[in-house]
Amino acid sequence: MGKTHERIDGRLRTFIEAQPVFFTATAPLAADGTVNLSPKGLTGSFAVLDELTVAYLDFAGSNAETIAHLRENGRITLMWCAFQGPPNIVRVHGRGEPVFRDDPRFGDLLAHFPDIDPTQHGLRAIIVVTAELVRDTCGYAVPFMAYEEDRDLHGKRFAREDDASLSAYFGKKEHIATSLDGLPGLPLPLPPSTV
């Protein structure tokens, strides 16, 4: 039932761009390390950059496991499920990189996200993923669920922060600068944005 795709285009690209939520999975190299699985959403925070590259905005939160794992080994899988319409699951297995706010590429990458105001969400980095394997599978067991709207709580919470207060917030969180397994996470203090 599964099919491997050479690139992210056509029907496949249309499908993943239409999904309101996707999931990311990463893990450290250590055999006893903590595997991380995160849901991602917020309309406008995901973009297909080209046929083998996708990116999403990494916003403020209480952990930085994805960043820590990508800094250590780069392995990441992204997954989208069809909760409406025909059943489908798409996975992009690849190599990821956190592009931080002081990186010269940051401004050009941010231009790929015109439909969201990242200043309201405490933007920490842009995660860029280069696909090494793209597959879809049936998704017959994925339930039907209806998307209503994005929650506004994240924007309400972080819109009031500036770089200094956001750095202070991150500094108080146990697993932002260092992952659950002790890997380097988000560089603090938060680097100033290049844009």
N, C-alpha and C. Protein backbone atom coordinates (compact mmCIF):
# COMPACT_ATOMS: atom_id res chain seq x y z
N MET A 1 0.81 -1.20 0.00
CA MET A 1 0.00 0.00 0.00
C MET A 1 0.85 1.26 0.00
N GLY A 2 2.04 1.20 0.64
CA GLY A 2 2.88 2.38 0.70
C GLY A 2 3.58 2.65 -0.61
N LYS A 3 3.90 3.91 -0.82
CA LYS A 3 4.57 4.32 -2.06
C LYS A 3 5.68 5.30 -1.71
N THR A 4 6.83 5.10 -2.34
CA THR A 4 7.94 6.03 -2.18
C THR A 4 7.87 7.07 -3.28
N HIS A 5 8.10 8.32 -2.92
CA HIS A 5 8.05 9.43 -3.87
C HIS A 5 9.44 10.03 -4.06
N GLU A 6 9.73 10.42 -5.28
CA GLU A 6 11.04 11.02 -5.60
C GLU A 6 11.14 12.45 -5.08
N ARG A 7 10.01 13.11 -4.96
CA ARG A 7 10.02 14.52 -4.58
C ARG A 7 8.69 14.91 -3.95
N ILE A 8 8.68 16.10 -3.37
CA ILE A 8 7.46 16.65 -2.76
C ILE A 8 6.86 17.62 -3.77
N ASP A 9 5.91 17.12 -4.56
CA ASP A 9 5.27 17.98 -5.55
C ASP A 9 3.87 17.45 -5.85
N GLY A 10 3.16 18.17 -6.68
CA GLY A 10 1.84 17.74 -7.12
C GLY A 10 0.89 17.43 -5.99
N ARG A 11 0.22 16.28 -6.08
CA ARG A 11 -0.78 15.86 -5.11
C ARG A 11 -0.20 15.77 -3.70
N LEU A 12 1.03 15.29 -3.59
CA LEU A 12 1.68 15.14 -2.30
C LEU A 12 1.89 16.50 -1.63
N ARG A 13 2.40 17.45 -2.38
CA ARG A 13 2.62 18.79 -1.83
C ARG A 13 1.29 19.43 -1.44
N THR A 14 0.29 19.31 -2.29
CA THR A 14 -1.03 19.87 -1.98
C THR A 14 -1.58 19.29 -0.69
N PHE A 15 -1.40 17.98 -0.51
CA PHE A 15 -1.90 17.32 0.69
C PHE A 15 -1.22 17.86 1.95
N ILE A 16 0.11 17.89 1.97
CA ILE A 16 0.77 18.30 3.21
C ILE A 16 0.57 19.79 3.51
N GLU A 17 0.47 20.60 2.47
CA GLU A 17 0.24 22.03 2.71
C GLU A 17 -1.17 22.30 3.23
N ALA A 18 -2.10 21.39 2.98
CA ALA A 18 -3.49 21.59 3.41
C ALA A 18 -3.74 21.13 4.85
N GLN A 19 -2.80 20.39 5.45
CA GLN A 19 -3.05 19.84 6.77
C GLN A 19 -2.82 20.89 7.86
N PRO A 20 -3.73 21.01 8.83
CA PRO A 20 -3.58 22.01 9.88
C PRO A 20 -2.62 21.59 10.99
N VAL A 21 -2.23 20.31 11.01
CA VAL A 21 -1.31 19.84 12.04
C VAL A 21 -0.39 18.78 11.43
N PHE A 22 0.85 18.75 11.92
CA PHE A 22 1.78 17.68 11.55
C PHE A 22 2.60 17.36 12.79
N PHE A 23 3.37 16.29 12.70
CA PHE A 23 4.13 15.81 13.84
C PHE A 23 5.60 15.68 13.45
N THR A 24 6.49 15.95 14.42
CA THR A 24 7.92 15.79 14.21
C THR A 24 8.44 14.76 15.20
N ALA A 25 9.36 13.92 14.76
CA ALA A 25 9.98 12.94 15.63
C ALA A 25 11.50 13.02 15.47
N THR A 26 12.19 13.05 16.62
CA THR A 26 13.64 13.09 16.65
C THR A 26 14.12 12.24 17.82
N ALA A 27 15.40 11.92 17.83
CA ALA A 27 15.99 11.15 18.94
C ALA A 27 17.48 11.44 19.01
N PRO A 28 18.04 11.36 20.21
CA PRO A 28 19.49 11.48 20.33
C PRO A 28 20.17 10.21 19.85
N LEU A 29 21.48 10.25 19.74
CA LEU A 29 22.22 9.06 19.32
C LEU A 29 22.29 8.01 20.43
N ALA A 30 22.28 8.42 21.67
CA ALA A 30 22.39 7.48 22.79
C ALA A 30 21.23 6.50 22.78
N ALA A 31 21.55 5.22 22.95
CA ALA A 31 20.53 4.17 22.93
C ALA A 31 19.49 4.35 24.02
N ASP A 32 19.87 4.94 25.14
CA ASP A 32 18.93 5.14 26.23
C ASP A 32 18.38 6.57 26.25
N GLY A 33 18.59 7.32 25.16
CA GLY A 33 18.12 8.70 25.08
C GLY A 33 16.61 8.79 24.90
N THR A 34 16.09 9.96 25.12
CA THR A 34 14.66 10.21 25.06
C THR A 34 14.22 10.54 23.63
N VAL A 35 13.33 9.71 23.09
CA VAL A 35 12.75 9.99 21.78
C VAL A 35 11.74 11.12 21.95
N ASN A 36 11.73 12.06 21.02
CA ASN A 36 10.80 13.18 21.11
C ASN A 36 9.81 13.14 19.95
N LEU A 37 8.55 13.40 20.26
CA LEU A 37 7.49 13.49 19.27
C LEU A 37 6.69 14.74 19.59
N SER A 38 6.56 15.65 18.63
CA SER A 38 5.90 16.93 18.87
C SER A 38 4.84 17.22 17.82
N PRO A 39 3.67 17.72 18.24
CA PRO A 39 2.70 18.22 17.27
C PRO A 39 3.06 19.65 16.88
N LYS A 40 2.82 20.00 15.64
CA LYS A 40 3.07 21.36 15.14
C LYS A 40 1.83 21.86 14.43
N GLY A 41 1.54 23.12 14.61
CA GLY A 41 0.38 23.71 13.97
C GLY A 41 0.60 25.18 13.75
N LEU A 42 -0.44 25.96 13.85
CA LEU A 42 -0.52 27.39 13.58
C LEU A 42 -0.44 27.65 12.08
N THR A 43 -1.52 28.10 11.54
CA THR A 43 -1.64 28.37 10.12
C THR A 43 -0.52 29.29 9.64
N GLY A 44 0.15 28.90 8.57
CA GLY A 44 1.21 29.72 7.98
C GLY A 44 2.59 29.42 8.50
N SER A 45 2.74 28.48 9.44
CA SER A 45 4.05 28.22 10.05
C SER A 45 4.83 27.10 9.37
N PHE A 46 4.30 26.52 8.29
CA PHE A 46 4.97 25.46 7.53
C PHE A 46 5.07 25.89 6.08
N ALA A 47 6.18 25.52 5.42
CA ALA A 47 6.35 25.86 4.01
C ALA A 47 7.14 24.79 3.28
N VAL A 48 6.76 24.52 2.05
CA VAL A 48 7.56 23.69 1.15
C VAL A 48 8.48 24.65 0.41
N LEU A 49 9.79 24.49 0.58
CA LEU A 49 10.75 25.40 -0.05
C LEU A 49 11.10 24.99 -1.47
N ASP A 50 11.22 23.69 -1.69
CA ASP A 50 11.43 23.14 -3.03
C ASP A 50 11.04 21.67 -2.99
N GLU A 51 11.35 20.93 -4.04
CA GLU A 51 10.86 19.56 -4.16
C GLU A 51 11.43 18.59 -3.12
N LEU A 52 12.51 18.98 -2.45
CA LEU A 52 13.10 18.12 -1.43
C LEU A 52 13.34 18.82 -0.09
N THR A 53 12.85 20.05 0.05
CA THR A 53 13.12 20.81 1.26
C THR A 53 11.84 21.44 1.80
N VAL A 54 11.62 21.24 3.11
CA VAL A 54 10.50 21.87 3.80
C VAL A 54 11.06 22.61 5.00
N ALA A 55 10.25 23.47 5.58
CA ALA A 55 10.68 24.22 6.76
C ALA A 55 9.47 24.57 7.60
N TYR A 56 9.72 24.75 8.88
CA TYR A 56 8.66 25.24 9.76
C TYR A 56 9.26 26.16 10.82
N LEU A 57 8.41 27.03 11.35
CA LEU A 57 8.83 27.98 12.36
C LEU A 57 8.81 27.31 13.72
N ASP A 58 9.91 27.44 14.45
CA ASP A 58 10.03 26.87 15.79
C ASP A 58 9.75 27.98 16.80
N PHE A 59 8.62 27.86 17.46
CA PHE A 59 8.17 28.90 18.37
C PHE A 59 8.48 28.58 19.83
N ALA A 60 8.32 29.58 20.68
CA ALA A 60 8.55 29.45 22.12
C ALA A 60 7.76 28.28 22.69
N GLY A 61 8.38 27.62 23.63
CA GLY A 61 7.76 26.51 24.33
C GLY A 61 8.60 26.17 25.54
N SER A 62 8.25 25.10 26.23
CA SER A 62 8.94 24.77 27.47
C SER A 62 10.04 23.74 27.29
N ASN A 63 10.28 23.28 26.08
CA ASN A 63 11.36 22.35 25.78
C ASN A 63 12.00 22.75 24.45
N ALA A 64 13.16 22.16 24.20
CA ALA A 64 13.84 22.37 22.92
C ALA A 64 14.47 21.06 22.46
N GLU A 65 13.73 19.97 22.61
CA GLU A 65 14.26 18.64 22.28
C GLU A 65 14.58 18.51 20.79
N THR A 66 13.69 18.99 19.93
CA THR A 66 13.95 18.89 18.49
C THR A 66 15.24 19.61 18.13
N ILE A 67 15.41 20.81 18.63
CA ILE A 67 16.63 21.58 18.34
C ILE A 67 17.85 20.82 18.83
N ALA A 68 17.79 20.30 20.06
CA ALA A 68 18.94 19.58 20.63
C ALA A 68 19.30 18.35 19.80
N HIS A 69 18.29 17.59 19.40
CA HIS A 69 18.56 16.38 18.62
C HIS A 69 19.11 16.73 17.25
N LEU A 70 18.56 17.76 16.63
CA LEU A 70 19.06 18.15 15.31
C LEU A 70 20.49 18.68 15.38
N ARG A 71 20.80 19.38 16.44
CA ARG A 71 22.18 19.88 16.60
C ARG A 71 23.15 18.72 16.79
N GLU A 72 22.68 17.64 17.42
CA GLU A 72 23.56 16.50 17.66
C GLU A 72 23.71 15.61 16.42
N ASN A 73 22.58 15.29 15.76
CA ASN A 73 22.67 14.27 14.70
C ASN A 73 21.85 14.56 13.44
N GLY A 74 20.98 15.54 13.45
CA GLY A 74 20.26 15.96 12.25
C GLY A 74 19.09 15.09 11.81
N ARG A 75 18.86 13.94 12.46
CA ARG A 75 17.80 13.03 12.02
C ARG A 75 16.43 13.55 12.43
N ILE A 76 15.47 13.50 11.50
CA ILE A 76 14.11 13.94 11.80
C ILE A 76 13.13 13.27 10.84
N THR A 77 11.94 13.02 11.35
CA THR A 77 10.83 12.55 10.52
C THR A 77 9.65 13.47 10.77
N LEU A 78 9.01 13.91 9.70
CA LEU A 78 7.77 14.69 9.80
C LEU A 78 6.64 13.82 9.28
N MET A 79 5.45 13.94 9.90
CA MET A 79 4.32 13.11 9.49
C MET A 79 3.04 13.94 9.46
N TRP A 80 2.28 13.73 8.39
CA TRP A 80 0.97 14.34 8.23
C TRP A 80 -0.06 13.22 8.09
N CYS A 81 -1.23 13.39 8.70
CA CYS A 81 -2.32 12.42 8.59
C CYS A 81 -3.55 13.12 8.03
N ALA A 82 -4.30 12.38 7.22
CA ALA A 82 -5.58 12.91 6.72
C ALA A 82 -6.65 12.63 7.77
N PHE A 83 -7.07 13.66 8.46
CA PHE A 83 -8.17 13.52 9.41
C PHE A 83 -9.51 13.80 8.75
N GLN A 84 -9.47 14.31 7.52
CA GLN A 84 -10.66 14.54 6.71
C GLN A 84 -10.35 14.06 5.29
N GLY A 85 -11.37 13.74 4.52
CA GLY A 85 -11.17 13.31 3.14
C GLY A 85 -10.62 11.90 3.05
N PRO A 86 -10.08 11.55 1.88
CA PRO A 86 -9.54 10.20 1.68
C PRO A 86 -8.42 9.90 2.67
N PRO A 87 -8.29 8.65 3.13
CA PRO A 87 -7.25 8.32 4.10
C PRO A 87 -5.86 8.44 3.48
N ASN A 88 -4.93 8.95 4.28
CA ASN A 88 -3.56 9.11 3.81
C ASN A 88 -2.66 9.46 4.98
N ILE A 89 -1.45 8.96 4.94
CA ILE A 89 -0.38 9.36 5.86
C ILE A 89 0.84 9.62 5.01
N VAL A 90 1.50 10.74 5.23
CA VAL A 90 2.74 11.07 4.51
C VAL A 90 3.84 11.29 5.54
N ARG A 91 4.98 10.66 5.27
CA ARG A 91 6.16 10.86 6.12
C ARG A 91 7.31 11.37 5.27
N VAL A 92 8.01 12.36 5.80
CA VAL A 92 9.25 12.85 5.21
C VAL A 92 10.35 12.52 6.20
N HIS A 93 11.22 11.60 5.82
CA HIS A 93 12.38 11.24 6.62
C HIS A 93 13.55 12.03 6.06
N GLY A 94 14.31 12.67 6.92
CA GLY A 94 15.41 13.45 6.38
C GLY A 94 16.37 13.98 7.41
N ARG A 95 17.07 15.01 6.98
CA ARG A 95 18.05 15.69 7.82
C ARG A 95 17.54 17.09 8.08
N GLY A 96 17.58 17.47 9.35
CA GLY A 96 17.09 18.78 9.73
C GLY A 96 18.17 19.64 10.34
N GLU A 97 17.93 20.93 10.29
CA GLU A 97 18.86 21.90 10.86
C GLU A 97 18.08 23.07 11.43
N PRO A 98 18.38 23.46 12.68
CA PRO A 98 17.79 24.68 13.20
C PRO A 98 18.58 25.89 12.70
N VAL A 99 17.90 26.80 12.04
CA VAL A 99 18.52 28.04 11.58
C VAL A 99 18.11 29.11 12.58
N PHE A 100 19.08 29.58 13.36
CA PHE A 100 18.79 30.51 14.43
C PHE A 100 18.66 31.95 13.92
N ARG A 101 18.13 32.80 14.76
CA ARG A 101 17.78 34.16 14.38
C ARG A 101 18.96 35.02 13.95
N ASP A 102 20.17 34.67 14.36
CA ASP A 102 21.33 35.46 13.97
C ASP A 102 22.05 34.87 12.74
N ASP A 103 21.48 33.84 12.15
CA ASP A 103 22.06 33.22 10.96
C ASP A 103 21.76 34.11 9.74
N PRO A 104 22.73 34.34 8.86
CA PRO A 104 22.51 35.18 7.68
C PRO A 104 21.38 34.68 6.78
N ARG A 105 21.05 33.40 6.83
CA ARG A 105 19.97 32.83 6.00
C ARG A 105 18.59 33.08 6.59
N PHE A 106 18.53 33.53 7.83
CA PHE A 106 17.26 33.61 8.55
C PHE A 106 16.23 34.48 7.84
N GLY A 107 16.61 35.66 7.41
CA GLY A 107 15.69 36.58 6.75
C GLY A 107 15.09 36.03 5.47
N ASP A 108 15.94 35.41 4.64
CA ASP A 108 15.45 34.83 3.39
C ASP A 108 14.50 33.68 3.66
N LEU A 109 14.81 32.86 4.67
CA LEU A 109 13.92 31.75 5.02
C LEU A 109 12.59 32.27 5.56
N LEU A 110 12.65 33.28 6.39
CA LEU A 110 11.44 33.82 6.99
C LEU A 110 10.47 34.35 5.94
N ALA A 111 10.99 34.79 4.80
CA ALA A 111 10.14 35.31 3.72
C ALA A 111 9.20 34.23 3.16
N HIS A 112 9.47 32.95 3.43
CA HIS A 112 8.61 31.86 2.97
C HIS A 112 7.35 31.69 3.82
N PHE A 113 7.20 32.53 4.86
CA PHE A 113 6.08 32.41 5.79
C PHE A 113 5.29 33.72 5.89
N PRO A 114 4.71 34.17 4.76
CA PRO A 114 4.05 35.48 4.76
C PRO A 114 2.70 35.50 5.48
N ASP A 115 2.14 34.34 5.78
CA ASP A 115 0.78 34.29 6.31
C ASP A 115 0.71 34.18 7.83
N ILE A 116 1.82 34.45 8.52
CA ILE A 116 1.82 34.42 9.97
C ILE A 116 2.74 35.51 10.49
N ASP A 117 2.38 36.10 11.62
CA ASP A 117 3.22 37.10 12.26
C ASP A 117 4.04 36.39 13.33
N PRO A 118 5.31 36.07 13.04
CA PRO A 118 6.10 35.30 13.99
C PRO A 118 6.44 36.06 15.27
N THR A 119 6.34 37.38 15.24
CA THR A 119 6.67 38.16 16.44
C THR A 119 5.68 37.90 17.57
N GLN A 120 4.52 37.39 17.25
CA GLN A 120 3.52 37.09 18.29
C GLN A 120 3.78 35.77 18.99
N HIS A 121 4.71 34.98 18.50
CA HIS A 121 4.85 33.61 19.00
C HIS A 121 6.23 33.29 19.57
N GLY A 122 7.10 34.28 19.74
CA GLY A 122 8.41 33.99 20.30
C GLY A 122 9.25 33.10 19.40
N LEU A 123 9.42 33.51 18.16
CA LEU A 123 10.16 32.71 17.18
C LEU A 123 11.59 32.48 17.65
N ARG A 124 11.97 31.20 17.77
CA ARG A 124 13.31 30.81 18.22
C ARG A 124 14.22 30.46 17.07
N ALA A 125 13.67 29.78 16.06
CA ALA A 125 14.48 29.28 14.95
C ALA A 125 13.55 28.88 13.81
N ILE A 126 14.13 28.62 12.67
CA ILE A 126 13.41 28.00 11.55
C ILE A 126 14.05 26.64 11.34
N ILE A 127 13.25 25.60 11.39
CA ILE A 127 13.75 24.25 11.19
C ILE A 127 13.64 23.93 9.70
N VAL A 128 14.77 23.64 9.08
CA VAL A 128 14.83 23.32 7.66
C VAL A 128 15.13 21.82 7.53
N VAL A 129 14.30 21.12 6.76
CA VAL A 129 14.43 19.67 6.61
C VAL A 129 14.64 19.33 5.14
N THR A 130 15.71 18.60 4.88
CA THR A 130 15.98 18.08 3.54
C THR A 130 15.55 16.63 3.51
N ALA A 131 14.63 16.31 2.62
CA ALA A 131 14.07 14.96 2.54
C ALA A 131 15.08 13.98 1.97
N GLU A 132 15.18 12.82 2.62
CA GLU A 132 15.97 11.71 2.11
C GLU A 132 15.08 10.56 1.66
N LEU A 133 13.89 10.47 2.26
CA LEU A 133 12.91 9.45 1.90
C LEU A 133 11.53 10.05 2.12
N VAL A 134 10.69 9.98 1.10
CA VAL A 134 9.32 10.49 1.17
C VAL A 134 8.38 9.34 0.86
N ARG A 135 7.48 9.02 1.80
CA ARG A 135 6.57 7.89 1.61
C ARG A 135 5.17 8.27 2.05
N ASP A 136 4.21 7.67 1.37
CA ASP A 136 2.84 7.77 1.87
C ASP A 136 2.30 6.36 2.08
N THR A 137 1.39 6.24 3.03
CA THR A 137 0.75 4.97 3.34
C THR A 137 -0.75 5.20 3.49
N CYS A 138 -1.49 4.11 3.67
CA CYS A 138 -2.94 4.16 3.54
C CYS A 138 -3.65 5.04 4.56
N GLY A 139 -3.31 4.95 5.82
CA GLY A 139 -4.01 5.74 6.82
C GLY A 139 -5.42 5.27 7.11
N TYR A 140 -5.72 4.02 6.83
CA TYR A 140 -7.09 3.51 7.02
C TYR A 140 -7.55 3.59 8.47
N ALA A 141 -6.64 3.52 9.42
CA ALA A 141 -7.04 3.53 10.84
C ALA A 141 -7.04 4.92 11.45
N VAL A 142 -6.68 5.94 10.69
CA VAL A 142 -6.69 7.31 11.21
C VAL A 142 -8.15 7.78 11.28
N PRO A 143 -8.60 8.26 12.44
CA PRO A 143 -10.00 8.65 12.57
C PRO A 143 -10.33 9.94 11.83
N PHE A 144 -11.60 10.13 11.54
CA PHE A 144 -12.07 11.41 11.04
C PHE A 144 -12.13 12.39 12.21
N MET A 145 -11.58 13.56 12.02
CA MET A 145 -11.66 14.62 13.02
C MET A 145 -11.80 15.93 12.27
N ALA A 146 -12.53 16.86 12.84
CA ALA A 146 -12.78 18.13 12.17
C ALA A 146 -11.89 19.23 12.76
N TYR A 147 -11.21 19.95 11.89
CA TYR A 147 -10.44 21.12 12.30
C TYR A 147 -11.40 22.29 12.44
N GLU A 148 -11.35 22.97 13.57
CA GLU A 148 -12.21 24.14 13.78
C GLU A 148 -11.44 25.44 13.56
N GLU A 149 -10.37 25.64 14.31
CA GLU A 149 -9.55 26.84 14.16
C GLU A 149 -8.29 26.69 15.00
N ASP A 150 -7.31 27.55 14.74
CA ASP A 150 -6.11 27.57 15.57
C ASP A 150 -6.48 28.13 16.94
N ARG A 151 -5.81 27.64 17.97
CA ARG A 151 -5.94 28.25 19.30
C ARG A 151 -5.20 29.58 19.28
N ASP A 152 -5.72 30.56 19.99
CA ASP A 152 -5.05 31.86 20.03
C ASP A 152 -4.19 32.03 21.28
N LEU A 153 -4.12 31.02 22.12
CA LEU A 153 -3.42 31.12 23.40
C LEU A 153 -1.92 31.35 23.24
N HIS A 154 -1.29 30.69 22.29
CA HIS A 154 0.16 30.84 22.11
C HIS A 154 0.51 32.28 21.76
N GLY A 155 -0.21 32.84 20.81
CA GLY A 155 0.04 34.23 20.43
C GLY A 155 -0.23 35.20 21.57
N LYS A 156 -1.30 34.96 22.32
CA LYS A 156 -1.61 35.83 23.46
C LYS A 156 -0.52 35.77 24.52
N ARG A 157 0.03 34.58 24.73
CA ARG A 157 1.06 34.42 25.77
C ARG A 157 2.38 35.07 25.36
N PHE A 158 2.81 34.89 24.12
CA PHE A 158 4.15 35.32 23.75
C PHE A 158 4.22 36.65 23.01
N ALA A 159 3.11 37.22 22.61
CA ALA A 159 3.12 38.51 21.91
C ALA A 159 3.66 39.63 22.79
N ARG A 160 3.55 39.47 24.07
CA ARG A 160 4.00 40.53 24.99
C ARG A 160 5.50 40.48 25.31
N GLU A 161 6.21 39.50 24.77
CA GLU A 161 7.63 39.34 25.07
C GLU A 161 8.50 40.06 24.05
N ASP A 162 9.61 40.63 24.53
CA ASP A 162 10.66 41.13 23.64
C ASP A 162 11.85 40.18 23.76
N ASP A 163 12.94 40.45 23.06
CA ASP A 163 14.08 39.54 23.08
C ASP A 163 14.61 39.30 24.49
N ALA A 164 14.70 40.35 25.28
CA ALA A 164 15.25 40.22 26.64
C ALA A 164 14.33 39.39 27.53
N SER A 165 13.04 39.68 27.50
CA SER A 165 12.13 38.93 28.38
C SER A 165 11.96 37.50 27.90
N LEU A 166 12.03 37.29 26.59
CA LEU A 166 11.94 35.93 26.06
C LEU A 166 13.17 35.12 26.48
N SER A 167 14.35 35.72 26.43
CA SER A 167 15.56 35.05 26.89
C SER A 167 15.45 34.72 28.38
N ALA A 168 14.92 35.64 29.16
CA ALA A 168 14.74 35.39 30.60
C ALA A 168 13.76 34.24 30.83
N TYR A 169 12.68 34.21 30.06
CA TYR A 169 11.71 33.12 30.15
C TYR A 169 12.37 31.78 29.84
N PHE A 170 13.12 31.73 28.74
CA PHE A 170 13.80 30.49 28.35
C PHE A 170 14.83 30.08 29.41
N GLY A 171 15.51 31.07 29.98
CA GLY A 171 16.52 30.78 30.99
C GLY A 171 15.96 30.11 32.23
N LYS A 172 14.70 30.34 32.52
CA LYS A 172 14.05 29.75 33.70
C LYS A 172 13.56 28.33 33.43
N LYS A 173 13.47 27.96 32.17
CA LYS A 173 12.97 26.63 31.82
C LYS A 173 14.12 25.62 31.86
N GLU A 174 13.88 24.49 32.49
CA GLU A 174 14.92 23.50 32.70
C GLU A 174 15.46 22.89 31.41
N HIS A 175 14.59 22.71 30.41
CA HIS A 175 15.00 21.97 29.21
C HIS A 175 14.88 22.80 27.93
N ILE A 176 15.41 24.02 27.99
CA ILE A 176 15.51 24.86 26.79
C ILE A 176 16.97 24.91 26.33
N ALA A 177 17.87 25.32 27.21
CA ALA A 177 19.29 25.40 26.86
C ALA A 177 19.94 24.02 26.82
N THR A 178 19.35 23.09 27.56
CA THR A 178 19.85 21.72 27.63
C THR A 178 18.67 20.78 27.50
N SER A 179 18.82 19.72 26.71
CA SER A 179 17.72 18.77 26.50
C SER A 179 17.51 17.88 27.72
N LEU A 180 16.48 17.06 27.67
CA LEU A 180 16.21 16.11 28.74
C LEU A 180 17.40 15.19 28.99
N ASP A 181 18.18 14.92 27.94
CA ASP A 181 19.33 14.02 28.04
C ASP A 181 20.66 14.77 28.18
N GLY A 182 20.59 16.08 28.40
CA GLY A 182 21.81 16.85 28.62
C GLY A 182 22.51 17.35 27.38
N LEU A 183 21.85 17.30 26.22
CA LEU A 183 22.44 17.81 24.99
C LEU A 183 22.25 19.32 24.89
N PRO A 184 23.14 20.03 24.19
CA PRO A 184 22.94 21.47 23.98
C PRO A 184 21.65 21.72 23.20
N GLY A 185 20.83 22.62 23.72
CA GLY A 185 19.56 22.95 23.08
C GLY A 185 19.62 24.32 22.43
N LEU A 186 18.69 25.18 22.82
CA LEU A 186 18.62 26.53 22.25
C LEU A 186 19.75 27.39 22.82
N PRO A 187 20.54 28.04 21.96
CA PRO A 187 21.58 28.94 22.46
C PRO A 187 20.96 30.12 23.20
N LEU A 188 21.43 30.36 24.41
CA LEU A 188 20.94 31.47 25.21
C LEU A 188 22.12 32.34 25.64
N PRO A 189 21.95 33.66 25.77
CA PRO A 189 20.68 34.35 25.54
C PRO A 189 20.27 34.27 24.09
N LEU A 190 18.98 34.42 23.85
CA LEU A 190 18.43 34.34 22.53
C LEU A 190 19.12 35.31 21.60
N PRO A 191 19.70 34.83 20.50
CA PRO A 191 20.37 35.76 19.59
C PRO A 191 19.39 36.75 18.98
N PRO A 192 19.84 37.97 18.75
CA PRO A 192 18.96 38.95 18.11
C PRO A 192 18.64 38.52 16.68
N SER A 193 17.48 38.90 16.22
CA SER A 193 17.06 38.57 14.86
C SER A 193 17.84 39.40 13.84
N THR A 194 18.12 38.78 12.69
CA THR A 194 18.79 39.49 11.61
C THR A 194 17.80 40.28 10.77
N VAL A 195 16.50 40.17 11.09
CA VAL A 195 15.47 40.89 10.32
C VAL A 195 14.75 41.88 11.20
